[in-house]
C-alpha cells in the first residue's frame, strides 16, 4: 500500500534495538486529556471496505474500563523537553539514519538508497526527530507538529518519563470513534462531508505531487483540523500513532499473531498519515511495525489509566 510505513525489514538495522530505561520526572510537560468512561463499544468491522489481511474482522463488542487519552499527539516541543531533561538518544539517532519521503529532500540532495517496492522512501543519514527531512533540516516552524522518526521503544521511553503510557489498540479505536457507533471515520461515515476535507491527507498525484488543498504538504500541527466527538484532534491522517498493543489477529487468542523478522512481535499503528488514502483513515484500519522501527510518518499520543482487560 502506498501509505504504509516501510516495514521492519526495510527500516530496522541488522541489530534490533532494545528499550532504554527512563525514570519518571515530576517536571514532565502535562498533556491535555479527556476521560473516556467505562463502557462497551464495537471494535473492528465486517464491512466490505475492510483492508484485507490487516485483521479488522470480526467486529465484536469490547468492554473497557475508564481511561484518559490525550487530545493531541506528542509534539516536537514535548519531545524536545524530554530529550533536554534526560539526554535520551532515539533509535534513529543511534543508528544514524531514517527514511524520508522523497519530496521533502532538496533537488540537489545526493542520491541515496530507496526501498525497492516503494521508491518514494529514501534512506537519509542524519534524519531523525530533530532533523525530520535530513541533516539540512530542523524544527523551525514545526514545534507544534507531531514528533516523527520515533520507534515504539522511543515512545514508551517518553511515556515512562512523563508518567503516562501508550493507549491500547482498543482504547485508541474507541477514542477515535468519538462516541459514535460503527462509524467509518472519526467524524462520521462520509469522508468529505459537504466537500470539506476533515484531516491531513495526500491530495494530488501520489507520490509526486501533493497539492496541499487541505493546507499542508507534510505534517500539520497537532491541534489542526476539527476534533471528533470526544474532543480529540487528528485521529485520522497526519501521522500513524503507536499503540501499546502487539499486532495480532482478532480476537487475540493466546499464542497467535505474527512475529517480527527477528522474533520481535510487531506493535500496532493506528490512524493513517498525510500520505494515506481514505481506506487507511477509517477508525477500524490497522497497520504495524516492529518496536525497533521508525519512520517519517509515525508518531504517538499518550494515555492514562490502569492497563487491564481488552488489548
C-alpha atoms as a PDB file:
ATOM      1  CA  UNK A   1       0.000   0.000   0.000  1.00  0.00           C
ATOM      2  CA  UNK A   2       1.425   3.443  -0.854  1.00  0.00           C
ATOM      3  CA  UNK A   3       0.737   4.945   2.562  1.00  0.00           C
ATOM      4  CA  UNK A   4       2.219   2.061   4.529  1.00  0.00           C
ATOM      5  CA  UNK A   5       5.228   2.905   6.696  1.00  0.00           C
ATOM      6  CA  UNK A   6       8.297   0.998   5.461  1.00  0.00           C
ATOM      7  CA  UNK A   7       8.325  -2.433   7.068  1.00  0.00           C
ATOM      8  CA  UNK A   8      10.675  -3.752   9.707  1.00  0.00           C
ATOM      9  CA  UNK A   9      12.858  -5.481   7.136  1.00  0.00           C
ATOM     10  CA  UNK A  10      13.132  -2.226   5.199  1.00  0.00           C
ATOM     11  CA  UNK A  11      13.800   0.109   8.120  1.00  0.00           C
ATOM     12  CA  UNK A  12      15.395  -1.721  11.012  1.00  0.00           C
ATOM     13  CA  UNK A  13      19.167  -2.147  11.128  1.00  0.00           C
ATOM     14  CA  UNK A  14      20.779  -5.573  11.250  1.00  0.00           C
ATOM     15  CA  UNK A  15      20.870  -5.482  15.054  1.00  0.00           C
ATOM     16  CA  UNK A  16      17.472  -4.837  16.563  1.00  0.00           C
ATOM     17  CA  UNK A  17      17.206  -2.080  19.124  1.00  0.00           C
ATOM     18  CA  UNK A  18      16.045  -2.635  22.685  1.00  0.00           C
ATOM     19  CA  UNK A  19      14.054  -0.423  25.075  1.00  0.00           C
ATOM     20  CA  UNK A  20      16.062   2.033  27.165  1.00  0.00           C
ATOM     21  CA  UNK A  21      15.174   2.543  30.829  1.00  0.00           C
ATOM     22  CA  UNK A  22      13.983   6.067  31.671  1.00  0.00           C
ATOM     23  CA  UNK A  23      12.840   7.283  35.100  1.00  0.00           C
ATOM     24  CA  UNK A  24       9.674   9.268  35.693  1.00  0.00           C
ATOM     25  CA  UNK A  25      10.049  13.019  36.187  1.00  0.00           C
ATOM     26  CA  UNK A  26       7.868  15.489  38.064  1.00  0.00           C
ATOM     27  CA  UNK A  27       8.963  18.151  35.558  1.00  0.00           C
ATOM     28  CA  UNK A  28       7.493  16.432  32.506  1.00  0.00           C
ATOM     29  CA  UNK A  29       5.053  18.539  30.486  1.00  0.00           C
ATOM     30  CA  UNK A  30       1.376  17.961  31.100  1.00  0.00           C
ATOM     31  CA  UNK A  31      -0.855  16.613  28.370  1.00  0.00           C
ATOM     32  CA  UNK A  32      -4.434  17.758  27.890  1.00  0.00           C
ATOM     33  CA  UNK A  33      -6.525  14.622  28.199  1.00  0.00           C
ATOM     34  CA  UNK A  34     -10.180  13.656  28.084  1.00  0.00           C
ATOM     35  CA  UNK A  35     -11.758  10.922  30.157  1.00  0.00           C
ATOM     36  CA  UNK A  36     -13.389   8.108  28.237  1.00  0.00           C
ATOM     37  CA  UNK A  37     -15.962   6.491  30.540  1.00  0.00           C
ATOM     38  CA  UNK A  38     -16.112   2.773  31.130  1.00  0.00           C
ATOM     39  CA  UNK A  39     -18.328   1.020  28.656  1.00  0.00           C
ATOM     40  CA  UNK A  40     -18.750  -1.311  25.723  1.00  0.00           C
ATOM     41  CA  UNK A  41     -18.165  -0.481  22.056  1.00  0.00           C
ATOM     42  CA  UNK A  42     -17.995  -2.330  18.756  1.00  0.00           C
ATOM     43  CA  UNK A  43     -14.394  -2.782  17.668  1.00  0.00           C
ATOM     44  CA  UNK A  44     -13.385  -3.704  14.132  1.00  0.00           C
ATOM     45  CA  UNK A  45     -15.672  -4.188  11.138  1.00  0.00           C
ATOM     46  CA  UNK A  46     -17.194  -6.863   8.951  1.00  0.00           C
ATOM     47  CA  UNK A  47     -17.979  -4.381   6.184  1.00  0.00           C
ATOM     48  CA  UNK A  48     -16.764  -4.994   2.641  1.00  0.00           C
ATOM     49  CA  UNK A  49     -14.413  -1.994   2.738  1.00  0.00           C
ATOM     50  CA  UNK A  50     -12.152  -3.533   5.366  1.00  0.00           C
ATOM     51  CA  UNK A  51      -8.490  -3.755   4.380  1.00  0.00           C
ATOM     52  CA  UNK A  52      -7.728  -7.361   3.519  1.00  0.00           C
ATOM     53  CA  UNK A  53      -5.120  -9.051   5.670  1.00  0.00           C
ATOM     54  CA  UNK A  54      -4.985  -6.438   8.421  1.00  0.00           C
ATOM     55  CA  UNK A  55      -7.265  -8.341  10.782  1.00  0.00           C
ATOM     56  CA  UNK A  56     -10.087  -5.826  11.178  1.00  0.00           C
ATOM     57  CA  UNK A  57     -12.746  -8.521  11.441  1.00  0.00           C
ATOM     58  CA  UNK A  58     -14.709  -9.922  13.104  1.00  0.00           C
ATOM     59  CA  UNK A  59     -16.497  -6.902  14.550  1.00  0.00           C
ATOM     60  CA  UNK A  60     -17.067  -7.599  18.228  1.00  0.00           C
ATOM     61  CA  UNK A  61     -18.093  -5.972  21.473  1.00  0.00           C
ATOM     62  CA  UNK A  62     -15.249  -4.846  23.741  1.00  0.00           C
ATOM     63  CA  UNK A  63     -15.631  -3.765  27.367  1.00  0.00           C
ATOM     64  CA  UNK A  64     -13.230  -1.080  28.542  1.00  0.00           C
ATOM     65  CA  UNK A  65     -12.579   0.453  31.933  1.00  0.00           C
ATOM     66  CA  UNK A  66     -12.420   4.233  32.285  1.00  0.00           C
ATOM     67  CA  UNK A  67      -9.222   5.754  30.883  1.00  0.00           C
ATOM     68  CA  UNK A  68      -7.842   9.074  29.722  1.00  0.00           C
ATOM     69  CA  UNK A  69      -6.332   9.856  26.333  1.00  0.00           C
ATOM     70  CA  UNK A  70      -4.540  12.957  25.075  1.00  0.00           C
ATOM     71  CA  UNK A  71      -6.442  15.326  22.823  1.00  0.00           C
ATOM     72  CA  UNK A  72      -3.347  15.723  20.645  1.00  0.00           C
ATOM     73  CA  UNK A  73      -0.323  13.706  19.575  1.00  0.00           C
ATOM     74  CA  UNK A  74       3.016  14.323  21.287  1.00  0.00           C
ATOM     75  CA  UNK A  75       4.597  17.362  19.635  1.00  0.00           C
ATOM     76  CA  UNK A  76       8.187  18.186  18.809  1.00  0.00           C
ATOM     77  CA  UNK A  77       8.045  20.701  21.667  1.00  0.00           C
ATOM     78  CA  UNK A  78       7.031  17.951  24.115  1.00  0.00           C
ATOM     79  CA  UNK A  79       9.672  15.539  22.879  1.00  0.00           C
ATOM     80  CA  UNK A  80      12.382  18.203  22.972  1.00  0.00           C
ATOM     81  CA  UNK A  81      11.653  18.733  26.672  1.00  0.00           C
ATOM     82  CA  UNK A  82      12.096  15.002  27.229  1.00  0.00           C
ATOM     83  CA  UNK A  83      15.414  14.904  25.375  1.00  0.00           C
ATOM     84  CA  UNK A  84      16.714  18.009  27.138  1.00  0.00           C
ATOM     85  CA  UNK A  85      15.825  16.598  30.567  1.00  0.00           C
ATOM     86  CA  UNK A  86      17.178  13.085  30.020  1.00  0.00           C
ATOM     87  CA  UNK A  87      19.721  13.213  27.207  1.00  0.00           C
ATOM     88  CA  UNK A  88      17.743  10.445  25.535  1.00  0.00           C
ATOM     89  CA  UNK A  89      19.005   9.264  22.149  1.00  0.00           C
ATOM     90  CA  UNK A  90      16.376   7.834  19.802  1.00  0.00           C
ATOM     91  CA  UNK A  91      16.793   4.682  17.771  1.00  0.00           C
ATOM     92  CA  UNK A  92      17.106   6.726  14.568  1.00  0.00           C
ATOM     93  CA  UNK A  93      19.885   8.783  16.148  1.00  0.00           C
ATOM     94  CA  UNK A  94      21.733   5.727  17.422  1.00  0.00           C
ATOM     95  CA  UNK A  95      21.662   4.091  14.003  1.00  0.00           C
ATOM     96  CA  UNK A  96      22.240   7.482  12.313  1.00  0.00           C
ATOM     97  CA  UNK A  97      19.597   7.304   9.576  1.00  0.00           C
ATOM     98  CA  UNK A  98      15.931   7.101   8.742  1.00  0.00           C
ATOM     99  CA  UNK A  99      13.691   7.022   5.682  1.00  0.00           C
ATOM    100  CA  UNK A 100      12.417  10.371   4.376  1.00  0.00           C
ATOM    101  CA  UNK A 101       9.644  10.877   1.844  1.00  0.00           C
ATOM    102  CA  UNK A 102      11.390  11.972  -1.344  1.00  0.00           C
ATOM    103  CA  UNK A 103       9.540  15.260  -1.994  1.00  0.00           C
ATOM    104  CA  UNK A 104      10.950  16.727   1.220  1.00  0.00           C
ATOM    105  CA  UNK A 105      14.543  16.413   0.055  1.00  0.00           C
ATOM    106  CA  UNK A 106      16.225  19.286  -1.839  1.00  0.00           C
ATOM    107  CA  UNK A 107      16.584  18.844  -5.601  1.00  0.00           C
ATOM    108  CA  UNK A 108      20.369  18.675  -5.235  1.00  0.00           C
ATOM    109  CA  UNK A 109      20.293  16.128  -2.400  1.00  0.00           C
ATOM    110  CA  UNK A 110      22.805  13.335  -3.068  1.00  0.00           C
ATOM    111  CA  UNK A 111      21.489  10.042  -4.390  1.00  0.00           C
ATOM    112  CA  UNK A 112      20.591   7.615  -1.636  1.00  0.00           C
ATOM    113  CA  UNK A 113      19.246   4.095  -1.338  1.00  0.00           C
ATOM    114  CA  UNK A 114      15.480   3.749  -1.835  1.00  0.00           C
ATOM    115  CA  UNK A 115      13.047   0.998  -0.876  1.00  0.00           C
ATOM    116  CA  UNK A 116      12.668  -1.180  -3.970  1.00  0.00           C
ATOM    117  CA  UNK A 117       8.889  -1.640  -3.763  1.00  0.00           C
ATOM    118  CA  UNK A 118       8.247   1.933  -2.577  1.00  0.00           C
ATOM    119  CA  UNK A 119      10.975   4.142  -4.091  1.00  0.00           C
ATOM    120  CA  UNK A 120       9.483   7.325  -2.644  1.00  0.00           C
ATOM    121  CA  UNK A 121      11.137   6.325   0.651  1.00  0.00           C
ATOM    122  CA  UNK A 122      14.772   7.453   0.626  1.00  0.00           C
ATOM    123  CA  UNK A 123      17.372   6.389   3.172  1.00  0.00           C
ATOM    124  CA  UNK A 124      18.834   9.583   4.617  1.00  0.00           C
ATOM    125  CA  UNK A 125      21.757   9.621   7.027  1.00  0.00           C
ATOM    126  CA  UNK A 126      21.248  12.285   9.663  1.00  0.00           C
ATOM    127  CA  UNK A 127      17.445  12.175   9.512  1.00  0.00           C
ATOM    128  CA  UNK A 128      15.873  11.918  12.967  1.00  0.00           C
ATOM    129  CA  UNK A 129      13.205  13.564  15.124  1.00  0.00           C
ATOM    130  CA  UNK A 130      15.144  16.863  15.306  1.00  0.00           C
ATOM    131  CA  UNK A 131      16.033  16.785  11.596  1.00  0.00           C
ATOM    132  CA  UNK A 132      12.879  15.322  10.047  1.00  0.00           C
ATOM    133  CA  UNK A 133      13.826  15.891   6.394  1.00  0.00           C
ATOM    134  CA  UNK A 134      17.522  15.129   6.825  1.00  0.00           C
ATOM    135  CA  UNK A 135      20.620  16.867   8.232  1.00  0.00           C
ATOM    136  CA  UNK A 136      19.886  20.054   6.287  1.00  0.00           C
ATOM    137  CA  UNK A 137      16.529  20.434   8.114  1.00  0.00           C
ATOM    138  CA  UNK A 138      15.498  21.444  11.617  1.00  0.00           C
ATOM    139  CA  UNK A 139      12.356  22.065  13.690  1.00  0.00           C
ATOM    140  CA  UNK A 140      11.930  25.711  12.736  1.00  0.00           C
ATOM    141  CA  UNK A 141       8.176  26.223  12.455  1.00  0.00           C
ATOM    142  CA  UNK A 142       7.494  22.611  13.471  1.00  0.00           C
ATOM    143  CA  UNK A 143       7.498  22.688  17.271  1.00  0.00           C
ATOM    144  CA  UNK A 144       3.707  22.296  17.346  1.00  0.00           C
ATOM    145  CA  UNK A 145       3.813  19.453  14.804  1.00  0.00           C
ATOM    146  CA  UNK A 146       3.895  15.783  15.869  1.00  0.00           C
ATOM    147  CA  UNK A 147       7.268  14.266  16.607  1.00  0.00           C
ATOM    148  CA  UNK A 148       8.258  11.711  13.945  1.00  0.00           C
ATOM    149  CA  UNK A 149      11.098   9.242  13.322  1.00  0.00           C
ATOM    150  CA  UNK A 150      10.303   7.679  16.711  1.00  0.00           C
ATOM    151  CA  UNK A 151      10.125   3.956  17.362  1.00  0.00           C
ATOM    152  CA  UNK A 152       7.787   2.175  19.761  1.00  0.00           C
ATOM    153  CA  UNK A 153      10.790   1.936  22.088  1.00  0.00           C
ATOM    154  CA  UNK A 154      11.292   5.719  21.905  1.00  0.00           C
ATOM    155  CA  UNK A 155       7.589   6.322  22.529  1.00  0.00           C
ATOM    156  CA  UNK A 156       7.460   4.130  25.608  1.00  0.00           C
ATOM    157  CA  UNK A 157      10.644   5.747  26.964  1.00  0.00           C
ATOM    158  CA  UNK A 158       8.934   9.145  26.679  1.00  0.00           C
ATOM    159  CA  UNK A 159       5.871   7.744  28.423  1.00  0.00           C
ATOM    160  CA  UNK A 160       7.961   6.388  31.301  1.00  0.00           C
ATOM    161  CA  UNK A 161       9.444   9.848  31.806  1.00  0.00           C
ATOM    162  CA  UNK A 162       6.117  11.681  31.515  1.00  0.00           C
ATOM    163  CA  UNK A 163       4.225   9.311  33.810  1.00  0.00           C
ATOM    164  CA  UNK A 164       1.834   8.197  31.096  1.00  0.00           C
ATOM    165  CA  UNK A 165       1.544   5.253  28.696  1.00  0.00           C
ATOM    166  CA  UNK A 166       0.556   4.449  25.149  1.00  0.00           C
ATOM    167  CA  UNK A 167      -3.121   3.653  24.563  1.00  0.00           C
ATOM    168  CA  UNK A 168      -4.034   0.074  23.839  1.00  0.00           C
ATOM    169  CA  UNK A 169      -5.410  -0.629  20.385  1.00  0.00           C
ATOM    170  CA  UNK A 170      -8.944  -0.986  21.749  1.00  0.00           C
ATOM    171  CA  UNK A 171      -8.649   2.289  23.668  1.00  0.00           C
ATOM    172  CA  UNK A 172      -7.357   4.039  20.570  1.00  0.00           C
ATOM    173  CA  UNK A 173     -10.210   2.828  18.367  1.00  0.00           C
ATOM    174  CA  UNK A 174     -12.926   3.679  20.881  1.00  0.00           C
ATOM    175  CA  UNK A 175     -11.442   7.154  21.289  1.00  0.00           C
ATOM    176  CA  UNK A 176     -11.206   7.602  17.517  1.00  0.00           C
ATOM    177  CA  UNK A 177     -14.899   6.824  17.116  1.00  0.00           C
ATOM    178  CA  UNK A 178     -15.721   9.861  19.231  1.00  0.00           C
ATOM    179  CA  UNK A 179     -18.806   8.376  20.827  1.00  0.00           C
ATOM    180  CA  UNK A 180     -20.343   7.244  17.544  1.00  0.00           C
ATOM    181  CA  UNK A 181     -21.158   3.583  16.914  1.00  0.00           C
ATOM    182  CA  UNK A 182     -19.566   1.742  13.988  1.00  0.00           C
ATOM    183  CA  UNK A 183     -18.767   4.977  12.143  1.00  0.00           C
ATOM    184  CA  UNK A 184     -16.335   4.686   9.262  1.00  0.00           C
ATOM    185  CA  UNK A 185     -14.260   7.775  10.113  1.00  0.00           C
ATOM    186  CA  UNK A 186     -13.606   9.765  13.270  1.00  0.00           C
ATOM    187  CA  UNK A 187     -16.250  12.316  12.200  1.00  0.00           C
ATOM    188  CA  UNK A 188     -18.854  10.005  10.596  1.00  0.00           C
ATOM    189  CA  UNK A 189     -19.388   7.813   7.547  1.00  0.00           C
ATOM    190  CA  UNK A 190     -18.750  10.329   4.756  1.00  0.00           C
ATOM    191  CA  UNK A 191     -15.099  11.044   4.027  1.00  0.00           C
ATOM    192  CA  UNK A 192     -15.520  14.696   2.997  1.00  0.00           C
ATOM    193  CA  UNK A 193     -18.909  15.940   4.226  1.00  0.00           C
ATOM    194  CA  UNK A 194     -20.117  18.875   2.118  1.00  0.00           C
ATOM    195  CA  UNK A 195     -16.810  18.659   0.259  1.00  0.00           C
ATOM    196  CA  UNK A 196     -14.760  19.577   3.340  1.00  0.00           C
ATOM    197  CA  UNK A 197     -11.528  17.657   3.988  1.00  0.00           C
ATOM    198  CA  UNK A 198     -11.588  16.691   7.655  1.00  0.00           C
ATOM    199  CA  UNK A 199      -7.983  15.601   8.117  1.00  0.00           C
ATOM    200  CA  UNK A 200      -4.450  15.879   6.762  1.00  0.00           C
ATOM    201  CA  UNK A 201      -4.276  13.566   3.748  1.00  0.00           C
ATOM    202  CA  UNK A 202      -2.427  13.321   0.451  1.00  0.00           C
ATOM    203  CA  UNK A 203      -4.230  15.329  -2.237  1.00  0.00           C
ATOM    204  CA  UNK A 204      -2.905  15.248  -5.782  1.00  0.00           C
ATOM    205  CA  UNK A 205      -0.895  12.655  -7.690  1.00  0.00           C
ATOM    206  CA  UNK A 206       0.847  10.187  -5.407  1.00  0.00           C
ATOM    207  CA  UNK A 207       3.796  10.103  -4.921  1.00  0.00           C
ATOM    208  CA  UNK A 208       4.969  13.083  -6.958  1.00  0.00           C
ATOM    209  CA  UNK A 209       2.617  15.971  -6.154  1.00  0.00           C
ATOM    210  CA  UNK A 210       0.679  16.963  -3.062  1.00  0.00           C
ATOM    211  CA  UNK A 211      -1.495  19.969  -3.874  1.00  0.00           C
ATOM    212  CA  UNK A 212      -1.882  20.822  -0.175  1.00  0.00           C
ATOM    213  CA  UNK A 213      -5.568  21.539  -0.724  1.00  0.00           C
ATOM    214  CA  UNK A 214      -6.061  20.734   2.972  1.00  0.00           C
ATOM    215  CA  UNK A 215      -3.422  23.330   3.871  1.00  0.00           C
ATOM    216  CA  UNK A 216      -0.418  21.055   4.376  1.00  0.00           C
ATOM    217  CA  UNK A 217       2.134  19.224   2.254  1.00  0.00           C
ATOM    218  CA  UNK A 218       3.674  17.355   5.189  1.00  0.00           C
ATOM    219  CA  UNK A 219       2.614  17.137   8.813  1.00  0.00           C
ATOM    220  CA  UNK A 220       0.115  19.556  10.323  1.00  0.00           C
ATOM    221  CA  UNK A 221       0.123  20.985  13.866  1.00  0.00           C
ATOM    222  CA  UNK A 222      -1.145  18.547  16.476  1.00  0.00           C
ATOM    223  CA  UNK A 223      -4.199  20.737  17.090  1.00  0.00           C
ATOM    224  CA  UNK A 224      -5.098  21.216  13.427  1.00  0.00           C
ATOM    225  CA  UNK A 225      -8.482  20.185  11.981  1.00  0.00           C
ATOM    226  CA  UNK A 226     -11.734  19.921  13.936  1.00  0.00           C
ATOM    227  CA  UNK A 227     -11.791  17.490  16.894  1.00  0.00           C
ATOM    228  CA  UNK A 228     -14.039  14.448  16.957  1.00  0.00           C
ATOM    229  CA  UNK A 229     -16.910  13.942  19.374  1.00  0.00           C
ATOM    230  CA  UNK A 230     -14.555  13.295  22.278  1.00  0.00           C
ATOM    231  CA  UNK A 231     -12.505  16.426  21.547  1.00  0.00           C
ATOM    232  CA  UNK A 232      -9.548  14.569  20.010  1.00  0.00           C
ATOM    233  CA  UNK A 233      -7.574  16.035  17.107  1.00  0.00           C
ATOM    234  CA  UNK A 234      -6.072  14.141  14.175  1.00  0.00           C
ATOM    235  CA  UNK A 235      -7.364  10.670  14.942  1.00  0.00           C
ATOM    236  CA  UNK A 236      -7.151  10.224  11.169  1.00  0.00           C
ATOM    237  CA  UNK A 237      -4.293  11.359   8.957  1.00  0.00           C
ATOM    238  CA  UNK A 238      -1.232  13.432   9.848  1.00  0.00           C
ATOM    239  CA  UNK A 239       0.899  10.631  11.375  1.00  0.00           C
ATOM    240  CA  UNK A 240       0.431   6.979  12.240  1.00  0.00           C
ATOM    241  CA  UNK A 241       0.318   6.523  16.025  1.00  0.00           C
ATOM    242  CA  UNK A 242       1.926   3.759  18.044  1.00  0.00           C
ATOM    243  CA  UNK A 243      -0.285   1.726  20.378  1.00  0.00           C
ATOM    244  CA  UNK A 244       0.700  -0.338  23.406  1.00  0.00           C
ATOM    245  CA  UNK A 245      -0.741  -3.494  21.852  1.00  0.00           C
ATOM    246  CA  UNK A 246       1.006  -6.205  19.921  1.00  0.00           C
ATOM    247  CA  UNK A 247      -0.316  -6.718  16.402  1.00  0.00           C
ATOM    248  CA  UNK A 248      -2.294  -9.962  16.445  1.00  0.00           C
ATOM    249  CA  UNK A 249      -5.296 -11.243  14.524  1.00  0.00           C
ATOM    250  CA  UNK A 250      -8.637 -10.776  16.248  1.00  0.00           C
ATOM    251  CA  UNK A 251      -9.903 -11.979  18.650  1.00  0.00           C
ATOM    252  CA  UNK A 252      -6.484 -12.062  20.345  1.00  0.00           C
ATOM    253  CA  UNK A 253      -6.294 -15.732  21.251  1.00  0.00           C
ATOM    254  CA  UNK A 254      -3.328 -16.582  23.439  1.00  0.00           C
ATOM    255  CA  UNK A 255      -0.296 -17.564  21.421  1.00  0.00           C
ATOM    256  CA  UNK A 256      -1.439 -16.398  18.000  1.00  0.00           C
ATOM    257  CA  UNK A 257      -0.180 -13.454  15.991  1.00  0.00           C
ATOM    258  CA  UNK A 258       2.672 -12.732  13.623  1.00  0.00           C
ATOM    259  CA  UNK A 259       6.259 -12.456  14.753  1.00  0.00           C
ATOM    260  CA  UNK A 260       8.677  -9.820  13.526  1.00  0.00           C
ATOM    261  CA  UNK A 261      11.554 -10.697  11.232  1.00  0.00           C
ATOM    262  CA  UNK A 262      13.904 -11.247  14.171  1.00  0.00           C
ATOM    263  CA  UNK A 263      11.443 -12.636  16.671  1.00  0.00           C
ATOM    264  CA  UNK A 264      10.032  -9.326  17.885  1.00  0.00           C
ATOM    265  CA  UNK A 265       6.253  -9.006  17.952  1.00  0.00           C
ATOM    266  CA  UNK A 266       5.062  -6.170  15.711  1.00  0.00           C
ATOM    267  CA  UNK A 267       3.139  -3.452  17.527  1.00  0.00           C
ATOM    268  CA  UNK A 268       0.003  -1.736  16.316  1.00  0.00           C
ATOM    269  CA  UNK A 269      -0.043   1.538  14.396  1.00  0.00           C
ATOM    270  CA  UNK A 270      -3.335   3.385  14.028  1.00  0.00           C
ATOM    271  CA  UNK A 271      -4.839   6.390  12.261  1.00  0.00           C
ATOM    272  CA  UNK A 272      -3.044   6.664   8.920  1.00  0.00           C
ATOM    273  CA  UNK A 273      -0.874   9.598   7.865  1.00  0.00           C
ATOM    274  CA  UNK A 274      -0.678  12.534   5.478  1.00  0.00           C
ATOM    275  CA  UNK A 275       0.373  10.065   2.768  1.00  0.00           C
ATOM    276  CA  UNK A 276      -2.690   7.869   3.305  1.00  0.00           C
ATOM    277  CA  UNK A 277      -5.616   7.029   1.101  1.00  0.00           C
ATOM    278  CA  UNK A 278      -9.125   7.209   2.656  1.00  0.00           C
ATOM    279  CA  UNK A 279      -9.353   3.434   3.238  1.00  0.00           C
ATOM    280  CA  UNK A 280      -6.488   3.638   5.729  1.00  0.00           C
ATOM    281  CA  UNK A 281      -8.047   6.547   7.627  1.00  0.00           C
ATOM    282  CA  UNK A 282     -11.030   4.554   8.872  1.00  0.00           C
ATOM    283  CA  UNK A 283     -11.406   4.003  12.615  1.00  0.00           C
ATOM    284  CA  UNK A 284     -11.022   0.233  12.205  1.00  0.00           C
ATOM    285  CA  UNK A 285      -7.961   0.334   9.940  1.00  0.00           C
ATOM    286  CA  UNK A 286      -4.764  -1.207  11.287  1.00  0.00           C
ATOM    287  CA  UNK A 287      -1.083  -1.311  10.493  1.00  0.00           C
ATOM    288  CA  UNK A 288       2.011  -2.389  12.396  1.00  0.00           C
ATOM    289  CA  UNK A 289       5.776  -2.397  12.634  1.00  0.00           C
ATOM    290  CA  UNK A 290       8.416  -3.839  14.930  1.00  0.00           C
ATOM    291  CA  UNK A 291       9.061  -1.937  18.179  1.00  0.00           C
ATOM    292  CA  UNK A 292      12.540  -1.028  16.942  1.00  0.00           C
ATOM    293  CA  UNK A 293      11.426   0.577  13.672  1.00  0.00           C
ATOM    294  CA  UNK A 294      10.932   4.287  12.989  1.00  0.00           C
ATOM    295  CA  UNK A 295       9.659   6.385  10.113  1.00  0.00           C
ATOM    296  CA  UNK A 296       8.961   9.878   8.754  1.00  0.00           C
ATOM    297  CA  UNK A 297       5.187   9.368   9.137  1.00  0.00           C
ATOM    298  CA  UNK A 298       4.981   7.752  12.586  1.00  0.00           C
ATOM    299  CA  UNK A 299       4.378   9.436  15.952  1.00  0.00           C
ATOM    300  CA  UNK A 300       2.273   8.739  19.063  1.00  0.00           C
ATOM    301  CA  UNK A 301      -0.163  10.111  21.641  1.00  0.00           C
ATOM    302  CA  UNK A 302      -0.407   9.201  25.304  1.00  0.00           C
ATOM    303  CA  UNK A 303      -2.993   7.778  27.669  1.00  0.00           C
ATOM    304  CA  UNK A 304      -3.522   7.291  31.393  1.00  0.00           C
ATOM    305  CA  UNK A 305      -5.290   4.668  33.446  1.00  0.00           C
ATOM    306  CA  UNK A 306      -4.655   1.095  34.577  1.00  0.00           C
ATOM    307  CA  UNK A 307      -3.927  -1.439  31.851  1.00  0.00           C
ATOM    308  CA  UNK A 308      -6.450  -4.250  32.196  1.00  0.00           C
ATOM    309  CA  UNK A 309      -8.983  -6.167  30.209  1.00  0.00           C
ATOM    310  CA  UNK A 310      -9.055  -5.501  26.494  1.00  0.00           C
ATOM    311  CA  UNK A 311      -5.896  -5.500  24.357  1.00  0.00           C
END
